[in-house]
PDB file of N, CA and C in Angstrom:
ATOM      1  N   UNK A   1      78.175  96.014 118.618  1.00  0.00           N
ATOM      2  CA  UNK A   1      76.102  96.218 119.162  1.00  0.00           C
ATOM      3  C   UNK A   1      76.151  95.891 119.374  1.00  0.00           C
ATOM      4  N   UNK A   2      75.503  94.991 120.309  1.00  0.00           N
ATOM      5  CA  UNK A   2      74.614  94.130 120.160  1.00  0.00           C
ATOM      6  C   UNK A   2      72.775  94.179 120.525  1.00  0.00           C
ATOM      7  N   UNK A   3      72.230  93.537 120.280  1.00  0.00           N
ATOM      8  CA  UNK A   3      70.692  93.459 120.453  1.00  0.00           C
ATOM      9  C   UNK A   3      70.019  95.124 120.580  1.00  0.00           C
ATOM     10  N   UNK A   4      70.378  95.159 118.652  1.00  0.00           N
ATOM     11  CA  UNK A   4      69.915  95.805 117.568  1.00  0.00           C
ATOM     12  C   UNK A   4      70.256  97.448 118.071  1.00  0.00           C
ATOM     13  N   UNK A   5      71.774  96.947 118.676  1.00  0.00           N
ATOM     14  CA  UNK A   5      72.912  98.237 118.942  1.00  0.00           C
ATOM     15  C   UNK A   5      72.538  99.396 120.351  1.00  0.00           C
ATOM     16  N   UNK A   6      71.241  98.374 121.177  1.00  0.00           N
ATOM     17  CA  UNK A   6      71.032  98.910 122.826  1.00  0.00           C
ATOM     18  C   UNK A   6      72.896  98.594 123.160  1.00  0.00           C
ATOM     19  N   UNK A   7      73.192  97.694 123.307  1.00  0.00           N
ATOM     20  CA  UNK A   7      74.494  97.520 124.306  1.00  0.00           C
ATOM     21  C   UNK A   7      75.781  97.407 123.717  1.00  0.00           C
ATOM     22  N   UNK A   8      76.626  98.388 123.922  1.00  0.00           N
ATOM     23  CA  UNK A   8      78.161  98.375 122.966  1.00  0.00           C
ATOM     24  C   UNK A   8      78.822  97.765 124.209  1.00  0.00           C
ATOM     25  N   UNK A   9      79.749  97.144 123.492  1.00  0.00           N
ATOM     26  CA  UNK A   9      81.006  96.282 124.553  1.00  0.00           C
ATOM     27  C   UNK A   9      81.763  97.947 124.699  1.00  0.00           C
ATOM     28  N   UNK A  10      82.033  98.026 126.083  1.00  0.00           N
ATOM     29  CA  UNK A  10      83.364  98.838 126.263  1.00  0.00           C
ATOM     30  C   UNK A  10      84.723  98.204 126.391  1.00  0.00           C
ATOM     31  N   UNK A  11      84.821  97.378 127.141  1.00  0.00           N
ATOM     32  CA  UNK A  11      86.014  96.382 127.386  1.00  0.00           C
ATOM     33  C   UNK A  11      85.465  94.916 127.784  1.00  0.00           C
ATOM     34  N   UNK A  12      86.466  94.027 127.603  1.00  0.00           N
ATOM     35  CA  UNK A  12      86.524  93.025 128.405  1.00  0.00           C
ATOM     36  C   UNK A  12      86.545  93.069 129.368  1.00  0.00           C
ATOM     37  N   UNK A  13      86.251  91.782 130.527  1.00  0.00           N
ATOM     38  CA  UNK A  13      86.731  92.032 132.094  1.00  0.00           C
ATOM     39  C   UNK A  13      87.453  90.647 132.572  1.00  0.00           C
ATOM     40  N   UNK A  14      86.978  89.174 132.125  1.00  0.00           N
ATOM     41  CA  UNK A  14      86.935  88.030 132.540  1.00  0.00           C
ATOM     42  C   UNK A  14      86.499  87.046 131.604  1.00  0.00           C
ATOM     43  N   UNK A  15      87.166  85.687 132.011  1.00  0.00           N
ATOM     44  CA  UNK A  15      85.995  84.900 130.633  1.00  0.00           C
ATOM     45  C   UNK A  15      86.371  83.244 132.209  1.00  0.00           C
ATOM     46  N   UNK A  16      85.434  82.239 131.903  1.00  0.00           N
ATOM     47  CA  UNK A  16      85.478  81.476 132.365  1.00  0.00           C
ATOM     48  C   UNK A  16      84.519  80.786 132.492  1.00  0.00           C
ATOM     49  N   UNK A  17      84.671  79.721 132.802  1.00  0.00           N
ATOM     50  CA  UNK A  17      83.309  77.924 132.562  1.00  0.00           C
ATOM     51  C   UNK A  17      83.619  77.823 130.435  1.00  0.00           C
ATOM     52  N   UNK A  18      81.617  78.485 131.049  1.00  0.00           N
ATOM     53  CA  UNK A  18      81.313  78.979 129.060  1.00  0.00           C
ATOM     54  C   UNK A  18      80.399  80.047 129.605  1.00  0.00           C
ATOM     55  N   UNK A  19      81.104  81.273 130.222  1.00  0.00           N
ATOM     56  CA  UNK A  19      81.112  82.783 129.897  1.00  0.00           C
ATOM     57  C   UNK A  19      82.124  83.698 129.645  1.00  0.00           C
ATOM     58  N   UNK A  20      81.720  85.012 129.184  1.00  0.00           N
ATOM     59  CA  UNK A  20      82.171  85.737 129.258  1.00  0.00           C
ATOM     60  C   UNK A  20      81.931  87.105 129.935  1.00  0.00           C
ATOM     61  N   UNK A  21      82.535  88.306 130.542  1.00  0.00           N
ATOM     62  CA  UNK A  21      82.223  88.860 130.806  1.00  0.00           C
ATOM     63  C   UNK A  21      83.198  90.448 130.117  1.00  0.00           C
ATOM     64  N   UNK A  22      81.928  91.345 130.329  1.00  0.00           N
ATOM     65  CA  UNK A  22      82.583  92.167 129.374  1.00  0.00           C
ATOM     66  C   UNK A  22      81.871  93.849 130.091  1.00  0.00           C
ATOM     67  N   UNK A  23      82.464  94.585 130.249  1.00  0.00           N
ATOM     68  CA  UNK A  23      81.940  95.783 130.621  1.00  0.00           C
ATOM     69  C   UNK A  23      81.035  96.398 129.031  1.00  0.00           C
ATOM     70  N   UNK A  24      79.831  96.717 129.309  1.00  0.00           N
ATOM     71  CA  UNK A  24      79.580  97.532 128.630  1.00  0.00           C
ATOM     72  C   UNK A  24      78.493  98.779 128.664  1.00  0.00           C
ATOM     73  N   UNK A  25      77.849  99.676 127.953  1.00  0.00           N
ATOM     74  CA  UNK A  25      76.831 100.744 128.048  1.00  0.00           C
ATOM     75  C   UNK A  25      75.513 100.804 127.112  1.00  0.00           C
ATOM     76  N   UNK A  26      74.986 100.508 128.237  1.00  0.00           N
ATOM     77  CA  UNK A  26      73.470 100.317 128.145  1.00  0.00           C
ATOM     78  C   UNK A  26      72.823 102.193 127.303  1.00  0.00           C
ATOM     79  N   UNK A  27      72.703 102.083 125.834  1.00  0.00           N
ATOM     80  CA  UNK A  27      72.323 103.132 124.573  1.00  0.00           C
ATOM     81  C   UNK A  27      71.168 103.394 124.860  1.00  0.00           C
ATOM     82  N   UNK A  28      70.477 102.857 125.924  1.00  0.00           N
ATOM     83  CA  UNK A  28      68.776 103.217 125.330  1.00  0.00           C
ATOM     84  C   UNK A  28      68.346 104.257 126.874  1.00  0.00           C
ATOM     85  N   UNK A  29      69.260 104.110 127.471  1.00  0.00           N
ATOM     86  CA  UNK A  29      69.491 104.400 128.788  1.00  0.00           C
ATOM     87  C   UNK A  29      69.602 105.805 129.171  1.00  0.00           C
ATOM     88  N   UNK A  30      68.889 106.679 130.215  1.00  0.00           N
ATOM     89  CA  UNK A  30      69.266 108.142 130.104  1.00  0.00           C
ATOM     90  C   UNK A  30      69.999 108.220 130.971  1.00  0.00           C
ATOM     91  N   UNK A  31      71.171 107.982 129.620  1.00  0.00           N
ATOM     92  CA  UNK A  31      72.922 108.601 131.290  1.00  0.00           C
ATOM     93  C   UNK A  31      73.929 109.335 130.703  1.00  0.00           C
ATOM     94  N   UNK A  32      73.024 110.083 130.095  1.00  0.00           N
ATOM     95  CA  UNK A  32      74.180 110.829 128.844  1.00  0.00           C
ATOM     96  C   UNK A  32      74.478 110.405 126.769  1.00  0.00           C
ATOM     97  N   UNK A  33      75.530 110.590 126.806  1.00  0.00           N
ATOM     98  CA  UNK A  33      75.428 110.048 125.301  1.00  0.00           C
ATOM     99  C   UNK A  33      76.606 108.752 124.995  1.00  0.00           C
ATOM    100  N   UNK A  34      77.424 108.487 126.400  1.00  0.00           N
ATOM    101  CA  UNK A  34      78.023 107.154 126.156  1.00  0.00           C
ATOM    102  C   UNK A  34      77.478 106.139 126.313  1.00  0.00           C
ATOM    103  N   UNK A  35      76.076 106.528 127.598  1.00  0.00           N
ATOM    104  CA  UNK A  35      74.959 104.933 127.563  1.00  0.00           C
ATOM    105  C   UNK A  35      75.182 105.319 128.800  1.00  0.00           C
ATOM    106  N   UNK A  36      74.047 104.097 130.084  1.00  0.00           N
ATOM    107  CA  UNK A  36      74.303 103.853 131.297  1.00  0.00           C
ATOM    108  C   UNK A  36      75.454 102.051 131.382  1.00  0.00           C
ATOM    109  N   UNK A  37      76.528 102.456 132.435  1.00  0.00           N
ATOM    110  CA  UNK A  37      77.454 100.893 132.127  1.00  0.00           C
ATOM    111  C   UNK A  37      76.436 100.033 132.749  1.00  0.00           C
ATOM    112  N   UNK A  38      76.950  99.270 132.127  1.00  0.00           N
ATOM    113  CA  UNK A  38      76.174  97.718 132.591  1.00  0.00           C
ATOM    114  C   UNK A  38      77.226  96.510 132.636  1.00  0.00           C
ATOM    115  N   UNK A  39      76.868  95.802 133.286  1.00  0.00           N
ATOM    116  CA  UNK A  39      78.232  94.479 133.072  1.00  0.00           C
ATOM    117  C   UNK A  39      77.041  93.405 131.808  1.00  0.00           C
ATOM    118  N   UNK A  40      77.674  92.903 130.543  1.00  0.00           N
ATOM    119  CA  UNK A  40      77.186  91.678 129.947  1.00  0.00           C
ATOM    120  C   UNK A  40      78.190  90.532 130.223  1.00  0.00           C
ATOM    121  N   UNK A  41      77.042  88.990 130.581  1.00  0.00           N
ATOM    122  CA  UNK A  41      77.537  88.007 130.925  1.00  0.00           C
ATOM    123  C   UNK A  41      77.234  87.297 129.760  1.00  0.00           C
ATOM    124  N   UNK A  42      78.617  86.793 129.114  1.00  0.00           N
ATOM    125  CA  UNK A  42      78.363  85.974 127.484  1.00  0.00           C
ATOM    126  C   UNK A  42      78.397  84.797 127.651  1.00  0.00           C
ATOM    127  N   UNK A  43      76.865  84.125 127.888  1.00  0.00           N
ATOM    128  CA  UNK A  43      76.878  81.905 127.818  1.00  0.00           C
ATOM    129  C   UNK A  43      77.431  81.521 126.267  1.00  0.00           C
ATOM    130  N   UNK A  44      78.612  80.986 126.454  1.00  0.00           N
ATOM    131  CA  UNK A  44      78.510  80.119 125.252  1.00  0.00           C
ATOM    132  C   UNK A  44      78.305  78.712 125.893  1.00  0.00           C
ATOM    133  N   UNK A  45      77.245  78.706 124.767  1.00  0.00           N
ATOM    134  CA  UNK A  45      76.777  77.154 124.950  1.00  0.00           C
ATOM    135  C   UNK A  45      77.065  76.176 124.387  1.00  0.00           C
ATOM    136  N   UNK A  46      77.561  75.484 124.772  1.00  0.00           N
ATOM    137  CA  UNK A  46      78.621  73.861 124.376  1.00  0.00           C
ATOM    138  C   UNK A  46      78.032  73.405 123.392  1.00  0.00           C
ATOM    139  N   UNK A  47      78.516  72.551 122.526  1.00  0.00           N
ATOM    140  CA  UNK A  47      78.173  71.655 121.247  1.00  0.00           C
ATOM    141  C   UNK A  47      77.110  72.411 120.081  1.00  0.00           C
ATOM    142  N   UNK A  48      76.747  71.399 119.690  1.00  0.00           N
ATOM    143  CA  UNK A  48      75.661  71.606 118.398  1.00  0.00           C
ATOM    144  C   UNK A  48      74.150  71.460 119.455  1.00  0.00           C
ATOM    145  N   UNK A  49      73.429  72.212 118.601  1.00  0.00           N
ATOM    146  CA  UNK A  49      71.875  72.999 119.241  1.00  0.00           C
ATOM    147  C   UNK A  49      71.155  71.017 119.306  1.00  0.00           C
ATOM    148  N   UNK A  50      71.883  70.127 118.589  1.00  0.00           N
ATOM    149  CA  UNK A  50      71.152  69.146 118.714  1.00  0.00           C
ATOM    150  C   UNK A  50      71.765  67.870 119.950  1.00  0.00           C
ATOM    151  N   UNK A  51      72.654  68.260 120.550  1.00  0.00           N
ATOM    152  CA  UNK A  51      73.814  67.766 121.070  1.00  0.00           C
ATOM    153  C   UNK A  51      73.337  68.017 122.578  1.00  0.00           C
ATOM    154  N   UNK A  52      72.772  66.881 123.747  1.00  0.00           N
ATOM    155  CA  UNK A  52      72.826  67.264 124.831  1.00  0.00           C
ATOM    156  C   UNK A  52      74.041  67.791 125.807  1.00  0.00           C
ATOM    157  N   UNK A  53      74.739  68.383 125.031  1.00  0.00           N
ATOM    158  CA  UNK A  53      75.641  68.671 125.763  1.00  0.00           C
ATOM    159  C   UNK A  53      74.864  70.356 125.803  1.00  0.00           C
ATOM    160  N   UNK A  54      74.446  71.234 123.993  1.00  0.00           N
ATOM    161  CA  UNK A  54      73.769  72.351 124.252  1.00  0.00           C
ATOM    162  C   UNK A  54      72.717  72.616 125.258  1.00  0.00           C
ATOM    163  N   UNK A  55      72.261  71.634 125.336  1.00  0.00           N
ATOM    164  CA  UNK A  55      71.056  71.944 126.088  1.00  0.00           C
ATOM    165  C   UNK A  55      70.502  71.679 127.234  1.00  0.00           C
ATOM    166  N   UNK A  56      71.944  71.268 127.948  1.00  0.00           N
ATOM    167  CA  UNK A  56      72.426  71.210 129.061  1.00  0.00           C
ATOM    168  C   UNK A  56      72.929  73.031 129.835  1.00  0.00           C
ATOM    169  N   UNK A  57      73.444  73.325 128.806  1.00  0.00           N
ATOM    170  CA  UNK A  57      74.330  74.601 128.817  1.00  0.00           C
ATOM    171  C   UNK A  57      72.664  75.650 129.012  1.00  0.00           C
ATOM    172  N   UNK A  58      71.965  75.244 127.559  1.00  0.00           N
ATOM    173  CA  UNK A  58      70.765  75.813 127.911  1.00  0.00           C
ATOM    174  C   UNK A  58      70.191  75.710 129.075  1.00  0.00           C
ATOM    175  N   UNK A  59      70.037  74.956 129.767  1.00  0.00           N
ATOM    176  CA  UNK A  59      69.286  74.738 130.423  1.00  0.00           C
ATOM    177  C   UNK A  59      70.055  75.498 132.402  1.00  0.00           C
ATOM    178  N   UNK A  60      71.779  75.557 132.334  1.00  0.00           N
ATOM    179  CA  UNK A  60      71.314  76.345 133.577  1.00  0.00           C
ATOM    180  C   UNK A  60      71.867  77.674 132.707  1.00  0.00           C
ATOM    181  N   UNK A  61      72.037  77.917 131.860  1.00  0.00           N
ATOM    182  CA  UNK A  61      71.200  79.502 131.473  1.00  0.00           C
ATOM    183  C   UNK A  61      70.220  80.005 132.734  1.00  0.00           C
ATOM    184  N   UNK A  62      68.820  78.787 131.672  1.00  0.00           N
ATOM    185  CA  UNK A  62      68.071  79.494 132.293  1.00  0.00           C
ATOM    186  C   UNK A  62      67.520  79.545 133.702  1.00  0.00           C
ATOM    187  N   UNK A  63      68.581  78.658 134.556  1.00  0.00           N
ATOM    188  CA  UNK A  63      68.392  78.095 135.944  1.00  0.00           C
ATOM    189  C   UNK A  63      69.412  79.413 136.183  1.00  0.00           C
ATOM    190  N   UNK A  64      70.182  80.013 135.704  1.00  0.00           N
ATOM    191  CA  UNK A  64      71.346  80.993 137.008  1.00  0.00           C
ATOM    192  C   UNK A  64      70.317  82.141 136.276  1.00  0.00           C
ATOM    193  N   UNK A  65      69.351  82.710 134.868  1.00  0.00           N
ATOM    194  CA  UNK A  65      68.654  83.949 135.370  1.00  0.00           C
ATOM    195  C   UNK A  65      67.682  83.151 135.791  1.00  0.00           C
ATOM    196  N   UNK A  66      66.559  82.609 135.822  1.00  0.00           N
ATOM    197  CA  UNK A  66      65.920  82.628 136.500  1.00  0.00           C
ATOM    198  C   UNK A  66      66.172  82.495 138.668  1.00  0.00           C
ATOM    199  N   UNK A  67      67.234  82.496 139.377  1.00  0.00           N
ATOM    200  CA  UNK A  67      67.596  82.268 140.152  1.00  0.00           C
ATOM    201  C   UNK A  67      67.483  83.649 140.331  1.00  0.00           C
ATOM    202  N   UNK A  68      68.241  85.058 139.583  1.00  0.00           N
ATOM    203  CA  UNK A  68      68.759  86.299 139.361  1.00  0.00           C
ATOM    204  C   UNK A  68      68.287  86.852 139.949  1.00  0.00           C
ATOM    205  N   UNK A  69      66.523  86.482 138.885  1.00  0.00           N
ATOM    206  CA  UNK A  69      65.152  87.230 139.134  1.00  0.00           C
ATOM    207  C   UNK A  69      64.750  87.699 140.291  1.00  0.00           C
ATOM    208  N   UNK A  70      64.981  86.252 140.929  1.00  0.00           N
ATOM    209  CA  UNK A  70      64.537  86.606 142.295  1.00  0.00           C
ATOM    210  C   UNK A  70      64.725  86.694 143.241  1.00  0.00           C
ATOM    211  N   UNK A  71      66.091  87.370 143.743  1.00  0.00           N
ATOM    212  CA  UNK A  71      66.732  87.708 144.355  1.00  0.00           C
ATOM    213  C   UNK A  71      66.843  89.519 144.584  1.00  0.00           C
ATOM    214  N   UNK A  72      66.862  89.717 145.381  1.00  0.00           N
ATOM    215  CA  UNK A  72      66.615  91.593 145.477  1.00  0.00           C
ATOM    216  C   UNK A  72      67.482  91.732 147.127  1.00  0.00           C
ATOM    217  N   UNK A  73      68.679  91.946 147.311  1.00  0.00           N
ATOM    218  CA  UNK A  73      69.418  93.297 148.202  1.00  0.00           C
ATOM    219  C   UNK A  73      70.703  93.256 147.556  1.00  0.00           C
ATOM    220  N   UNK A  74      70.737  94.262 148.569  1.00  0.00           N
ATOM    221  CA  UNK A  74      72.059  95.068 148.072  1.00  0.00           C
ATOM    222  C   UNK A  74      73.533  94.963 147.916  1.00  0.00           C
ATOM    223  N   UNK A  75      73.773  93.680 148.184  1.00  0.00           N
ATOM    224  CA  UNK A  75      74.803  93.080 148.059  1.00  0.00           C
ATOM    225  C   UNK A  75      74.882  92.287 146.781  1.00  0.00           C
ATOM    226  N   UNK A  76      74.040  92.079 146.177  1.00  0.00           N
ATOM    227  CA  UNK A  76      73.344  90.445 144.943  1.00  0.00           C
ATOM    228  C   UNK A  76      73.251  91.820 143.852  1.00  0.00           C
ATOM    229  N   UNK A  77      74.263  92.029 142.804  1.00  0.00           N
ATOM    230  CA  UNK A  77      73.250  92.928 141.189  1.00  0.00           C
ATOM    231  C   UNK A  77      72.749  91.853 140.675  1.00  0.00           C
ATOM    232  N   UNK A  78      71.436  93.744 140.226  1.00  0.00           N
ATOM    233  CA  UNK A  78      69.755  92.920 139.890  1.00  0.00           C
ATOM    234  C   UNK A  78      70.568  92.439 138.254  1.00  0.00           C
ATOM    235  N   UNK A  79      69.621  91.778 137.928  1.00  0.00           N
ATOM    236  CA  UNK A  79      69.422  91.385 136.387  1.00  0.00           C
ATOM    237  C   UNK A  79      68.331  91.872 136.243  1.00  0.00           C
ATOM    238  N   UNK A  80      69.271  92.871 134.527  1.00  0.00           N
ATOM    239  CA  UNK A  80      68.428  94.237 133.991  1.00  0.00           C
ATOM    240  C   UNK A  80      67.448  93.450 132.732  1.00  0.00           C
ATOM    241  N   UNK A  81      67.961  92.846 132.538  1.00  0.00           N
ATOM    242  CA  UNK A  81      68.289  92.068 131.070  1.00  0.00           C
ATOM    243  C   UNK A  81      68.547  90.703 130.642  1.00  0.00           C
ATOM    244  N   UNK A  82      68.191  90.752 129.166  1.00  0.00           N
ATOM    245  CA  UNK A  82      68.327  88.815 128.646  1.00  0.00           C
ATOM    246  C   UNK A  82      67.865  89.367 127.288  1.00  0.00           C
ATOM    247  N   UNK A  83      69.585  88.387 126.848  1.00  0.00           N
ATOM    248  CA  UNK A  83      68.528  88.592 124.972  1.00  0.00           C
ATOM    249  C   UNK A  83      69.710  87.174 124.250  1.00  0.00           C
ATOM    250  N   UNK A  84      70.028  86.895 123.252  1.00  0.00           N
ATOM    251  CA  UNK A  84      70.395  86.274 122.573  1.00  0.00           C
ATOM    252  C   UNK A  84      70.517  86.736 120.857  1.00  0.00           C
ATOM    253  N   UNK A  85      71.347  86.119 120.791  1.00  0.00           N
ATOM    254  CA  UNK A  85      72.065  86.991 119.583  1.00  0.00           C
ATOM    255  C   UNK A  85      73.117  85.899 118.655  1.00  0.00           C
ATOM    256  N   UNK A  86      72.811  85.791 117.689  1.00  0.00           N
ATOM    257  CA  UNK A  86      74.321  84.822 116.752  1.00  0.00           C
ATOM    258  C   UNK A  86      74.881  83.500 117.859  1.00  0.00           C
ATOM    259  N   UNK A  87      73.516  82.934 118.465  1.00  0.00           N
ATOM    260  CA  UNK A  87      74.140  81.637 118.781  1.00  0.00           C
ATOM    261  C   UNK A  87      74.030  81.615 120.157  1.00  0.00           C
ATOM    262  N   UNK A  88      74.861  82.568 120.787  1.00  0.00           N
ATOM    263  CA  UNK A  88      75.157  83.710 122.560  1.00  0.00           C
ATOM    264  C   UNK A  88      74.250  83.537 122.905  1.00  0.00           C
ATOM    265  N   UNK A  89      73.825  83.979 124.671  1.00  0.00           N
ATOM    266  CA  UNK A  89      73.398  84.114 125.057  1.00  0.00           C
ATOM    267  C   UNK A  89      73.829  85.240 126.336  1.00  0.00           C
ATOM    268  N   UNK A  90      72.820  86.495 126.414  1.00  0.00           N
ATOM    269  CA  UNK A  90      73.341  87.493 127.219  1.00  0.00           C
ATOM    270  C   UNK A  90      72.441  87.636 128.104  1.00  0.00           C
ATOM    271  N   UNK A  91      73.407  88.209 129.642  1.00  0.00           N
ATOM    272  CA  UNK A  91      72.835  88.739 130.612  1.00  0.00           C
ATOM    273  C   UNK A  91      73.073  90.014 130.795  1.00  0.00           C
ATOM    274  N   UNK A  92      72.241  90.720 131.025  1.00  0.00           N
ATOM    275  CA  UNK A  92      72.578  92.113 131.758  1.00  0.00           C
ATOM    276  C   UNK A  92      72.135  92.211 133.007  1.00  0.00           C
ATOM    277  N   UNK A  93      73.924  92.458 133.597  1.00  0.00           N
ATOM    278  CA  UNK A  93      73.742  93.036 135.563  1.00  0.00           C
ATOM    279  C   UNK A  93      73.798  94.349 135.178  1.00  0.00           C
ATOM    280  N   UNK A  94      73.445  95.166 136.387  1.00  0.00           N
ATOM    281  CA  UNK A  94      73.653  96.179 136.995  1.00  0.00           C
ATOM    282  C   UNK A  94      75.129  96.032 137.722  1.00  0.00           C
TER     283      UNK A  94
END
C-alpha cells in the first residue's frame, strides 16, 4: 500500500527510462470494496540527493506533471494525484 494506504498496487505493467508503471486501485474512491482502478507511474530519481543527476530527474518529473496537469482532452489521460514515498515519486493517472 502506498500514500498512507490510499493506493494498492494490483500488478506491474511496464518499465522504461526512469519509471515503472503499475495498475493500482484508489482505496478512497467510491468504487466498491476493491477501489477505483488507476495507473501509478513510479519515477526512480537518479543518483544521490546531492548529485546533479538527482536534481535533473526531479526537474524532469516536475515538468511532466506540470504539462499533464494543464492538458484536457478525451484522448489524454488526466493526472489525478501525485505524491512521494521512500525516495520515489508517483503520478496517479486515470
